[in-house]
Amino acid sequence: MKFRIYYEDVDAAGIVYHSNYLKYCERARSEMFFSKGLTPIIDNNSHFVVRKMLCDFISSAKFGDIVDVSTQIVEIKKASFILRQTIKVEDKVVFEAIVTLVLVNNGKPRRIDKNIEKLILSIL
């Protein structure tokens, strides 16, 4: 997913504010579902929530930059899956996160069955 960095994304020095990288990753994850005509809500009460993020702020994106957020599956577990999300400016990595998402139903972890696993694999 590519988009431009606007003034609302940056601090007074024109550097992307650190928490915005998390927003960009969330936006990219949601867009994966939307691009397939789906929503991140799996069924009536099941959806994915972020359980853990390991973030590496490598460099800075700046006002006017075009950034590209990419997402790859690292591992699918019983009730969760792990993604690697990378943000680049041109071909230079500026941010990387390892994100653990848990499938929950009514606030409790739910097993990822084969149909949901196929869904995850189809959107990435």
N, C-alpha and C. Protein backbone atom coordinates (compact mmCIF):
# COMPACT_ATOMS: atom_id res chain seq x y z
N MET A 1 0.86 -1.17 0.00
CA MET A 1 0.00 0.00 0.00
C MET A 1 0.90 1.23 0.00
N LYS A 2 0.71 2.09 -0.98
CA LYS A 2 1.51 3.31 -1.08
C LYS A 2 0.65 4.53 -0.80
N PHE A 3 1.27 5.52 -0.14
CA PHE A 3 0.59 6.79 0.07
C PHE A 3 1.62 7.85 0.41
N ARG A 4 1.21 9.09 0.33
CA ARG A 4 2.09 10.24 0.60
C ARG A 4 1.98 10.67 2.05
N ILE A 5 3.08 11.14 2.60
CA ILE A 5 3.12 11.69 3.95
C ILE A 5 2.69 13.16 3.88
N TYR A 6 1.66 13.49 4.65
CA TYR A 6 1.13 14.85 4.68
C TYR A 6 1.58 15.59 5.93
N TYR A 7 1.31 16.88 5.93
CA TYR A 7 1.70 17.73 7.04
C TYR A 7 1.13 17.24 8.37
N GLU A 8 -0.09 16.68 8.34
CA GLU A 8 -0.73 16.19 9.56
C GLU A 8 0.02 15.01 10.18
N ASP A 9 0.92 14.36 9.41
CA ASP A 9 1.64 13.19 9.87
C ASP A 9 2.96 13.51 10.56
N VAL A 10 3.40 14.76 10.47
CA VAL A 10 4.77 15.08 10.88
C VAL A 10 4.83 16.05 12.05
N ASP A 11 6.01 16.11 12.65
CA ASP A 11 6.26 17.08 13.72
C ASP A 11 6.75 18.40 13.11
N ALA A 12 7.17 19.32 13.95
CA ALA A 12 7.59 20.64 13.48
C ALA A 12 8.82 20.59 12.57
N ALA A 13 9.60 19.52 12.67
CA ALA A 13 10.80 19.38 11.83
C ALA A 13 10.50 18.66 10.52
N GLY A 14 9.22 18.27 10.30
CA GLY A 14 8.86 17.58 9.06
C GLY A 14 9.11 16.09 9.08
N ILE A 15 9.34 15.52 10.27
CA ILE A 15 9.61 14.10 10.44
C ILE A 15 8.33 13.40 10.91
N VAL A 16 8.04 12.22 10.34
CA VAL A 16 6.85 11.48 10.75
C VAL A 16 6.92 11.17 12.24
N TYR A 17 5.86 11.51 12.95
CA TYR A 17 5.75 11.24 14.38
C TYR A 17 5.68 9.72 14.58
N HIS A 18 6.40 9.20 15.58
CA HIS A 18 6.60 7.76 15.73
C HIS A 18 5.31 6.94 15.78
N SER A 19 4.27 7.42 16.44
CA SER A 19 3.05 6.61 16.56
C SER A 19 2.32 6.47 15.23
N ASN A 20 2.60 7.34 14.29
CA ASN A 20 1.93 7.24 12.99
C ASN A 20 2.34 5.98 12.23
N TYR A 21 3.54 5.46 12.48
CA TYR A 21 3.94 4.22 11.81
C TYR A 21 2.99 3.08 12.20
N LEU A 22 2.53 3.08 13.45
CA LEU A 22 1.57 2.06 13.89
C LEU A 22 0.25 2.22 13.16
N LYS A 23 -0.18 3.47 12.96
CA LYS A 23 -1.41 3.74 12.20
C LYS A 23 -1.27 3.25 10.77
N TYR A 24 -0.10 3.50 10.17
CA TYR A 24 0.10 3.08 8.79
C TYR A 24 0.03 1.56 8.66
N CYS A 25 0.59 0.84 9.63
CA CYS A 25 0.52 -0.62 9.61
C CYS A 25 -0.92 -1.10 9.77
N GLU A 26 -1.65 -0.48 10.68
CA GLU A 26 -3.06 -0.85 10.88
C GLU A 26 -3.87 -0.60 9.60
N ARG A 27 -3.63 0.54 8.98
CA ARG A 27 -4.32 0.89 7.75
C ARG A 27 -4.04 -0.16 6.67
N ALA A 28 -2.79 -0.59 6.56
CA ALA A 28 -2.42 -1.59 5.55
C ALA A 28 -3.08 -2.93 5.84
N ARG A 29 -3.13 -3.32 7.12
CA ARG A 29 -3.80 -4.60 7.45
C ARG A 29 -5.28 -4.54 7.10
N SER A 30 -5.94 -3.45 7.44
CA SER A 30 -7.37 -3.30 7.11
C SER A 30 -7.58 -3.28 5.60
N GLU A 31 -6.71 -2.59 4.90
CA GLU A 31 -6.84 -2.47 3.44
C GLU A 31 -6.72 -3.82 2.74
N MET A 32 -5.96 -4.75 3.33
CA MET A 32 -5.85 -6.09 2.75
C MET A 32 -7.22 -6.74 2.68
N PHE A 33 -8.02 -6.58 3.73
CA PHE A 33 -9.38 -7.13 3.73
C PHE A 33 -10.26 -6.37 2.74
N PHE A 34 -10.23 -5.03 2.82
CA PHE A 34 -11.10 -4.22 1.97
C PHE A 34 -10.82 -4.45 0.49
N SER A 35 -9.56 -4.68 0.13
CA SER A 35 -9.21 -4.89 -1.28
C SER A 35 -9.80 -6.17 -1.84
N LYS A 36 -10.21 -7.08 -0.95
CA LYS A 36 -10.85 -8.34 -1.36
C LYS A 36 -12.36 -8.29 -1.16
N GLY A 37 -12.91 -7.10 -0.86
CA GLY A 37 -14.34 -6.97 -0.63
C GLY A 37 -14.78 -7.49 0.72
N LEU A 38 -13.85 -7.62 1.66
CA LEU A 38 -14.14 -8.14 2.99
C LEU A 38 -13.94 -7.06 4.04
N THR A 39 -14.23 -7.39 5.29
CA THR A 39 -13.90 -6.51 6.40
C THR A 39 -13.06 -7.33 7.39
N PRO A 40 -12.35 -6.67 8.30
CA PRO A 40 -11.58 -7.41 9.30
C PRO A 40 -12.43 -8.17 10.31
N ILE A 41 -13.75 -7.99 10.26
CA ILE A 41 -14.64 -8.75 11.14
C ILE A 41 -14.91 -10.09 10.45
N ILE A 42 -14.52 -11.19 11.10
CA ILE A 42 -14.59 -12.51 10.49
C ILE A 42 -16.03 -13.02 10.42
N ASP A 43 -16.74 -12.96 11.53
CA ASP A 43 -18.16 -13.33 11.57
C ASP A 43 -18.82 -12.51 12.66
N ASN A 44 -19.97 -12.92 13.13
CA ASN A 44 -20.76 -12.10 14.06
C ASN A 44 -19.94 -11.40 15.14
N ASN A 45 -19.14 -12.16 15.89
CA ASN A 45 -18.42 -11.57 17.02
C ASN A 45 -16.94 -11.86 16.99
N SER A 46 -16.41 -12.32 15.87
CA SER A 46 -14.99 -12.67 15.79
C SER A 46 -14.23 -11.66 14.95
N HIS A 47 -13.08 -11.26 15.48
CA HIS A 47 -12.20 -10.35 14.76
C HIS A 47 -10.79 -10.49 15.33
N PHE A 48 -9.83 -9.90 14.63
CA PHE A 48 -8.45 -9.97 15.08
C PHE A 48 -8.09 -8.74 15.89
N VAL A 49 -7.32 -8.95 16.95
CA VAL A 49 -6.81 -7.84 17.75
C VAL A 49 -5.29 -7.98 17.85
N VAL A 50 -4.63 -6.84 17.98
CA VAL A 50 -3.18 -6.86 18.15
C VAL A 50 -2.87 -7.31 19.57
N ARG A 51 -2.06 -8.33 19.68
CA ARG A 51 -1.61 -8.85 20.98
C ARG A 51 -0.24 -8.29 21.34
N LYS A 52 0.62 -8.18 20.31
CA LYS A 52 1.98 -7.75 20.58
C LYS A 52 2.58 -7.14 19.31
N MET A 53 3.41 -6.12 19.49
CA MET A 53 4.17 -5.53 18.38
C MET A 53 5.60 -5.30 18.83
N LEU A 54 6.51 -5.72 17.98
CA LEU A 54 7.92 -5.43 18.18
C LEU A 54 8.30 -4.47 17.07
N CYS A 55 8.62 -3.23 17.42
CA CYS A 55 8.84 -2.18 16.43
C CYS A 55 10.31 -1.79 16.34
N ASP A 56 10.76 -1.57 15.12
CA ASP A 56 12.12 -1.13 14.88
C ASP A 56 12.05 0.15 14.03
N PHE A 57 12.37 1.28 14.66
CA PHE A 57 12.37 2.58 13.99
C PHE A 57 13.77 2.78 13.41
N ILE A 58 13.94 2.45 12.14
CA ILE A 58 15.26 2.38 11.52
C ILE A 58 15.72 3.74 11.01
N SER A 59 14.83 4.46 10.41
CA SER A 59 15.12 5.77 9.83
C SER A 59 13.84 6.58 9.90
N SER A 60 13.81 7.71 9.24
CA SER A 60 12.61 8.56 9.30
C SER A 60 12.02 8.81 7.93
N ALA A 61 10.71 8.77 7.87
CA ALA A 61 10.01 9.27 6.69
C ALA A 61 9.74 10.75 6.96
N LYS A 62 9.61 11.50 5.87
CA LYS A 62 9.48 12.95 6.00
C LYS A 62 8.29 13.46 5.19
N PHE A 63 7.91 14.69 5.50
CA PHE A 63 6.83 15.37 4.80
C PHE A 63 7.05 15.26 3.29
N GLY A 64 6.01 14.80 2.58
CA GLY A 64 6.06 14.69 1.13
C GLY A 64 6.54 13.36 0.60
N ASP A 65 7.16 12.52 1.44
CA ASP A 65 7.63 11.21 0.99
C ASP A 65 6.46 10.33 0.58
N ILE A 66 6.73 9.45 -0.37
CA ILE A 66 5.80 8.37 -0.72
C ILE A 66 6.30 7.14 0.03
N VAL A 67 5.45 6.58 0.89
CA VAL A 67 5.83 5.39 1.63
C VAL A 67 5.07 4.18 1.09
N ASP A 68 5.68 3.03 1.26
CA ASP A 68 5.09 1.77 0.82
C ASP A 68 5.09 0.82 2.01
N VAL A 69 3.88 0.37 2.42
CA VAL A 69 3.74 -0.56 3.54
C VAL A 69 3.50 -1.95 2.95
N SER A 70 4.38 -2.89 3.29
CA SER A 70 4.19 -4.27 2.83
C SER A 70 3.99 -5.17 4.04
N THR A 71 3.28 -6.28 3.80
CA THR A 71 2.91 -7.19 4.88
C THR A 71 3.15 -8.63 4.42
N GLN A 72 3.82 -9.40 5.26
CA GLN A 72 4.06 -10.81 4.98
C GLN A 72 3.70 -11.64 6.21
N ILE A 73 3.19 -12.84 5.97
CA ILE A 73 2.91 -13.78 7.06
C ILE A 73 4.22 -14.42 7.49
N VAL A 74 4.45 -14.44 8.79
CA VAL A 74 5.60 -15.13 9.36
C VAL A 74 5.18 -16.52 9.83
N GLU A 75 4.03 -16.58 10.52
CA GLU A 75 3.59 -17.86 11.08
C GLU A 75 2.10 -17.79 11.44
N ILE A 76 1.39 -18.89 11.23
CA ILE A 76 0.00 -19.02 11.69
C ILE A 76 -0.02 -20.07 12.79
N LYS A 77 -0.57 -19.68 13.94
CA LYS A 77 -0.63 -20.57 15.10
C LYS A 77 -2.09 -20.98 15.34
N LYS A 78 -2.37 -21.57 16.50
CA LYS A 78 -3.71 -22.07 16.81
C LYS A 78 -4.76 -20.96 16.85
N ALA A 79 -4.47 -19.86 17.55
CA ALA A 79 -5.45 -18.77 17.69
C ALA A 79 -4.86 -17.42 17.27
N SER A 80 -3.66 -17.44 16.70
CA SER A 80 -3.01 -16.18 16.34
C SER A 80 -2.18 -16.36 15.08
N PHE A 81 -1.77 -15.24 14.54
CA PHE A 81 -0.78 -15.30 13.48
C PHE A 81 0.15 -14.11 13.60
N ILE A 82 1.33 -14.28 13.03
CA ILE A 82 2.38 -13.27 13.14
C ILE A 82 2.69 -12.73 11.76
N LEU A 83 2.76 -11.40 11.69
CA LEU A 83 3.07 -10.70 10.45
C LEU A 83 4.36 -9.90 10.59
N ARG A 84 5.02 -9.69 9.48
CA ARG A 84 6.11 -8.72 9.40
C ARG A 84 5.61 -7.60 8.51
N GLN A 85 5.59 -6.39 9.04
CA GLN A 85 5.18 -5.23 8.26
C GLN A 85 6.37 -4.30 8.12
N THR A 86 6.62 -3.91 6.88
CA THR A 86 7.77 -3.09 6.55
C THR A 86 7.29 -1.82 5.87
N ILE A 87 7.84 -0.70 6.29
CA ILE A 87 7.55 0.58 5.64
C ILE A 87 8.84 1.07 4.98
N LYS A 88 8.73 1.37 3.68
CA LYS A 88 9.88 1.84 2.92
C LYS A 88 9.60 3.21 2.32
N VAL A 89 10.65 3.97 2.18
CA VAL A 89 10.65 5.19 1.38
C VAL A 89 11.61 4.89 0.24
N GLU A 90 11.08 4.93 -0.99
CA GLU A 90 11.80 4.43 -2.15
C GLU A 90 12.15 2.98 -1.85
N ASP A 91 13.40 2.59 -1.84
CA ASP A 91 13.74 1.20 -1.52
C ASP A 91 14.39 1.07 -0.16
N LYS A 92 14.34 2.11 0.65
CA LYS A 92 15.00 2.13 1.94
C LYS A 92 13.98 1.83 3.06
N VAL A 93 14.27 0.82 3.87
CA VAL A 93 13.39 0.48 5.00
C VAL A 93 13.57 1.53 6.09
N VAL A 94 12.44 2.12 6.50
CA VAL A 94 12.47 3.11 7.57
C VAL A 94 11.84 2.59 8.86
N PHE A 95 11.00 1.55 8.74
CA PHE A 95 10.30 1.00 9.90
C PHE A 95 9.96 -0.45 9.63
N GLU A 96 10.07 -1.26 10.68
CA GLU A 96 9.64 -2.65 10.56
C GLU A 96 9.00 -3.07 11.87
N ALA A 97 7.92 -3.85 11.77
CA ALA A 97 7.23 -4.34 12.96
C ALA A 97 6.91 -5.82 12.78
N ILE A 98 7.06 -6.55 13.87
CA ILE A 98 6.57 -7.93 13.94
C ILE A 98 5.30 -7.84 14.79
N VAL A 99 4.18 -8.22 14.18
CA VAL A 99 2.87 -8.02 14.79
C VAL A 99 2.20 -9.38 15.04
N THR A 100 1.78 -9.59 16.28
CA THR A 100 1.02 -10.80 16.61
C THR A 100 -0.45 -10.40 16.73
N LEU A 101 -1.29 -11.04 15.92
CA LEU A 101 -2.73 -10.81 15.94
C LEU A 101 -3.43 -12.06 16.46
N VAL A 102 -4.38 -11.86 17.35
CA VAL A 102 -5.13 -12.96 17.93
C VAL A 102 -6.58 -12.88 17.46
N LEU A 103 -7.13 -14.01 17.07
CA LEU A 103 -8.55 -14.08 16.73
C LEU A 103 -9.33 -14.21 18.02
N VAL A 104 -10.26 -13.29 18.24
CA VAL A 104 -11.09 -13.34 19.45
C VAL A 104 -12.56 -13.40 19.07
N ASN A 105 -13.31 -14.05 19.93
CA ASN A 105 -14.76 -14.12 19.80
C ASN A 105 -15.33 -13.70 21.14
N ASN A 106 -16.12 -12.62 21.13
CA ASN A 106 -16.65 -12.06 22.38
C ASN A 106 -15.54 -11.81 23.40
N GLY A 107 -14.40 -11.34 22.92
CA GLY A 107 -13.29 -10.97 23.80
C GLY A 107 -12.39 -12.10 24.25
N LYS A 108 -12.65 -13.34 23.81
CA LYS A 108 -11.83 -14.48 24.21
C LYS A 108 -11.17 -15.10 22.98
N PRO A 109 -9.94 -15.60 23.14
CA PRO A 109 -9.26 -16.23 22.00
C PRO A 109 -10.10 -17.34 21.38
N ARG A 110 -10.04 -17.41 20.06
CA ARG A 110 -10.78 -18.42 19.31
C ARG A 110 -9.80 -19.12 18.37
N ARG A 111 -9.96 -20.40 18.22
CA ARG A 111 -9.11 -21.19 17.33
C ARG A 111 -9.29 -20.72 15.89
N ILE A 112 -8.19 -20.64 15.16
CA ILE A 112 -8.21 -20.33 13.74
C ILE A 112 -8.45 -21.64 13.00
N ASP A 113 -9.65 -21.81 12.46
CA ASP A 113 -9.94 -23.04 11.73
C ASP A 113 -9.40 -22.95 10.30
N LYS A 114 -9.54 -24.01 9.56
CA LYS A 114 -8.97 -24.07 8.20
C LYS A 114 -9.58 -23.00 7.28
N ASN A 115 -10.88 -22.72 7.42
CA ASN A 115 -11.50 -21.70 6.58
C ASN A 115 -10.92 -20.31 6.84
N ILE A 116 -10.70 -20.00 8.11
CA ILE A 116 -10.12 -18.70 8.46
C ILE A 116 -8.66 -18.65 8.03
N GLU A 117 -7.94 -19.75 8.17
CA GLU A 117 -6.55 -19.80 7.69
C GLU A 117 -6.49 -19.55 6.19
N LYS A 118 -7.39 -20.15 5.43
CA LYS A 118 -7.44 -19.92 3.98
C LYS A 118 -7.73 -18.45 3.69
N LEU A 119 -8.61 -17.86 4.46
CA LEU A 119 -8.94 -16.44 4.30
C LEU A 119 -7.70 -15.58 4.53
N ILE A 120 -6.98 -15.85 5.62
CA ILE A 120 -5.76 -15.10 5.91
C ILE A 120 -4.77 -15.22 4.77
N LEU A 121 -4.55 -16.43 4.30
CA LEU A 121 -3.60 -16.66 3.21
C LEU A 121 -4.04 -15.99 1.92
N SER A 122 -5.36 -15.90 1.70
CA SER A 122 -5.86 -15.30 0.46
C SER A 122 -5.72 -13.78 0.41
N ILE A 123 -5.69 -13.12 1.58
CA ILE A 123 -5.61 -11.67 1.56
C ILE A 123 -4.18 -11.17 1.57
N LEU A 124 -3.24 -12.03 1.89
CA LEU A 124 -1.85 -11.59 1.93
C LEU A 124 -1.08 -11.97 0.70
